[in-house]
């Protein structure tokens, strides 16, 4: 299984990846390779502390495979305490979200955003998600650290799309 990002031309690629991080006036996406969150078991936004996140879904067992996740509950602050609420507020429906283990790149979940993020007064953010990679059950490792990345999808064009083989 391979994952790649496809663009129409080099200008399209440069315009998207030259700013593939948070900027005050031109937010395009976020590659979280320097920011981490720890996955925990949680039943509500009240359980989310700074630097943590949880997934919930259709599987009711204690350990949820990535493919069954339907909601992510994420602290607006990463492990270092930096506030990511500005980044979270620009995520739109149909954008892509990738959650990847710091220790094991094969431990990954890739999702379509079903509903725009909701930031709660508790400091948590919730998003409805849909898995785009079906197949074997890959389980996240509870209490491990994960990078969380965002890829915006241009609604007017399918050229900026995530290609999954």
Protein backbone atom coordinates (compact mmCIF):
# COMPACT_ATOMS: atom_id res chain seq x y z
CA UNK A 1 0.00 0.00 0.00
CA UNK A 2 1.39 3.43 -0.89
CA UNK A 3 0.28 6.96 -0.19
CA UNK A 4 1.04 9.95 -2.36
CA UNK A 5 -0.19 13.44 -3.03
CA UNK A 6 -0.92 14.38 -6.64
CA UNK A 7 -0.92 17.88 -8.14
CA UNK A 8 -1.57 19.15 -11.69
CA UNK A 9 1.73 20.98 -12.10
CA UNK A 10 4.77 22.23 -10.22
CA UNK A 11 3.19 25.65 -9.59
CA UNK A 12 0.26 23.95 -7.88
CA UNK A 13 2.64 21.85 -5.81
CA UNK A 14 4.80 24.82 -4.86
CA UNK A 15 1.83 26.98 -3.94
CA UNK A 16 0.54 24.29 -1.60
CA UNK A 17 3.73 23.01 -0.03
CA UNK A 18 5.67 26.26 0.29
CA UNK A 19 3.16 27.24 2.97
CA UNK A 20 2.30 23.81 4.31
CA UNK A 21 2.30 25.11 7.87
CA UNK A 22 0.55 27.71 10.00
CA UNK A 23 0.83 31.33 8.88
CA UNK A 24 -1.30 34.16 10.19
CA UNK A 25 -2.46 35.43 6.80
CA UNK A 26 -2.19 32.39 4.52
CA UNK A 27 -3.12 29.13 6.19
CA UNK A 28 -3.03 26.29 3.66
CA UNK A 29 -2.42 23.17 5.66
CA UNK A 30 -0.26 21.76 8.37
CA UNK A 31 2.40 19.08 8.43
CA UNK A 32 2.71 18.26 12.10
CA UNK A 33 6.12 16.59 12.04
CA UNK A 34 7.29 18.86 14.84
CA UNK A 35 4.12 18.75 16.95
CA UNK A 36 2.90 15.70 18.76
CA UNK A 37 -0.17 14.57 20.64
CA UNK A 38 -0.45 11.44 22.79
CA UNK A 39 -3.39 9.12 22.07
CA UNK A 40 -5.48 8.22 25.09
CA UNK A 41 -8.72 6.39 25.78
CA UNK A 42 -11.43 9.00 26.28
CA UNK A 43 -15.20 9.09 26.28
CA UNK A 44 -15.79 12.84 26.19
CA UNK A 45 -14.15 16.19 25.55
CA UNK A 46 -13.72 16.52 29.33
CA UNK A 47 -11.13 13.71 29.27
CA UNK A 48 -8.81 15.55 26.87
CA UNK A 49 -5.81 17.26 28.48
CA UNK A 50 -3.23 19.40 26.65
CA UNK A 51 -1.13 17.30 24.32
CA UNK A 52 -3.63 14.44 24.03
CA UNK A 53 -6.26 13.14 21.62
CA UNK A 54 -8.65 10.22 21.35
CA UNK A 55 -10.64 8.51 18.63
CA UNK A 56 -14.10 7.05 18.97
CA UNK A 57 -16.05 5.02 16.49
CA UNK A 58 -18.24 2.13 15.49
CA UNK A 59 -16.23 -0.55 17.27
CA UNK A 60 -17.09 -0.80 20.97
CA UNK A 61 -14.00 -2.71 22.11
CA UNK A 62 -11.39 -1.07 24.35
CA UNK A 63 -8.95 -0.75 21.46
CA UNK A 64 -10.28 0.85 18.29
CA UNK A 65 -8.60 0.18 14.91
CA UNK A 66 -7.99 3.29 12.80
CA UNK A 67 -10.48 2.08 10.16
CA UNK A 68 -13.42 2.24 12.60
CA UNK A 69 -12.77 5.77 13.87
CA UNK A 70 -15.65 8.19 13.27
CA UNK A 71 -14.67 11.04 15.62
CA UNK A 72 -11.41 12.56 16.78
CA UNK A 73 -11.29 14.53 20.02
CA UNK A 74 -8.09 16.60 20.08
CA UNK A 75 -6.63 19.06 22.56
CA UNK A 76 -6.14 22.48 20.98
CA UNK A 77 -2.67 22.41 22.57
CA UNK A 78 0.08 20.02 21.53
CA UNK A 79 2.55 18.29 23.87
CA UNK A 80 4.63 21.48 24.23
CA UNK A 81 1.60 23.61 25.14
CA UNK A 82 1.44 25.51 21.85
CA UNK A 83 -2.14 26.49 20.96
CA UNK A 84 -3.30 25.19 17.56
CA UNK A 85 -6.82 26.64 17.58
CA UNK A 86 -5.98 28.95 14.63
CA UNK A 87 -4.94 25.93 12.57
CA UNK A 88 -7.98 23.91 13.62
CA UNK A 89 -10.44 26.65 12.64
CA UNK A 90 -9.33 26.56 8.98
CA UNK A 91 -9.98 22.84 8.54
CA UNK A 92 -13.00 22.30 6.29
CA UNK A 93 -15.29 19.44 5.37
CA UNK A 94 -13.67 17.09 2.82
CA UNK A 95 -10.13 18.10 3.83
CA UNK A 96 -7.82 15.23 4.77
CA UNK A 97 -6.38 14.42 8.17
CA UNK A 98 -3.47 12.05 8.73
CA UNK A 99 -2.58 10.66 12.15
CA UNK A 100 0.84 8.94 12.13
CA UNK A 101 2.87 7.34 14.90
CA UNK A 102 6.12 9.07 15.83
CA UNK A 103 7.78 5.66 16.35
CA UNK A 104 6.17 3.59 13.59
CA UNK A 105 5.17 5.24 10.27
CA UNK A 106 3.07 2.17 9.35
CA UNK A 107 0.81 2.99 12.32
CA UNK A 108 -1.33 5.54 10.49
CA UNK A 109 -4.91 6.62 9.95
CA UNK A 110 -5.98 8.78 6.99
CA UNK A 111 -9.39 10.42 7.02
CA UNK A 112 -11.80 12.70 5.19
CA UNK A 113 -13.18 15.41 7.46
CA UNK A 114 -16.97 14.94 7.57
CA UNK A 115 -17.75 17.96 9.76
CA UNK A 116 -15.71 21.08 10.40
CA UNK A 117 -13.98 21.15 13.80
CA UNK A 118 -15.89 22.31 16.86
CA UNK A 119 -13.74 23.89 19.56
CA UNK A 120 -15.16 23.40 23.05
CA UNK A 121 -14.67 25.58 26.12
CA UNK A 122 -12.83 22.62 27.72
CA UNK A 123 -9.92 23.17 25.29
CA UNK A 124 -10.84 20.19 23.15
CA UNK A 125 -11.74 20.09 19.48
CA UNK A 126 -14.01 17.47 17.91
CA UNK A 127 -14.26 16.47 14.26
CA UNK A 128 -16.33 13.81 12.53
CA UNK A 129 -14.08 11.75 10.25
CA UNK A 130 -14.31 8.93 7.70
CA UNK A 131 -11.47 6.50 7.06
CA UNK A 132 -10.20 6.49 3.46
CA UNK A 133 -7.93 3.45 3.82
CA UNK A 134 -9.83 0.23 4.42
CA UNK A 135 -8.05 -3.04 4.89
CA UNK A 136 -6.24 -4.67 7.75
CA UNK A 137 -7.00 -3.56 11.26
CA UNK A 138 -4.16 -1.32 12.36
CA UNK A 139 -4.50 -0.37 16.01
CA UNK A 140 -3.06 2.82 17.46
CA UNK A 141 -0.90 2.29 20.52
CA UNK A 142 -2.54 3.95 23.52
CA UNK A 143 -0.21 6.45 25.27
CA UNK A 144 2.12 6.68 22.23
CA UNK A 145 2.82 9.99 20.49
CA UNK A 146 1.38 10.79 17.06
CA UNK A 147 1.80 13.51 14.46
CA UNK A 148 -1.47 14.97 13.18
CA UNK A 149 -1.36 16.57 9.72
CA UNK A 150 -3.94 18.41 7.64
CA UNK A 151 -4.23 18.57 3.85
CA UNK A 152 -6.75 21.10 2.52
CA UNK A 153 -8.70 19.99 -0.53
CA UNK A 154 -9.69 22.56 -3.14
CA UNK A 155 -13.47 22.20 -3.51
CA UNK A 156 -13.45 23.69 -7.02
CA UNK A 157 -10.97 21.19 -8.39
CA UNK A 158 -10.04 17.57 -7.86
CA UNK A 159 -6.41 18.26 -8.80
CA UNK A 160 -5.34 18.78 -5.19
CA UNK A 161 -6.37 15.33 -4.08
CA UNK A 162 -4.85 12.68 -1.92
CA UNK A 163 -4.12 9.61 -4.04
CA UNK A 164 -4.19 6.26 -2.27
CA UNK A 165 -2.93 3.11 -4.02
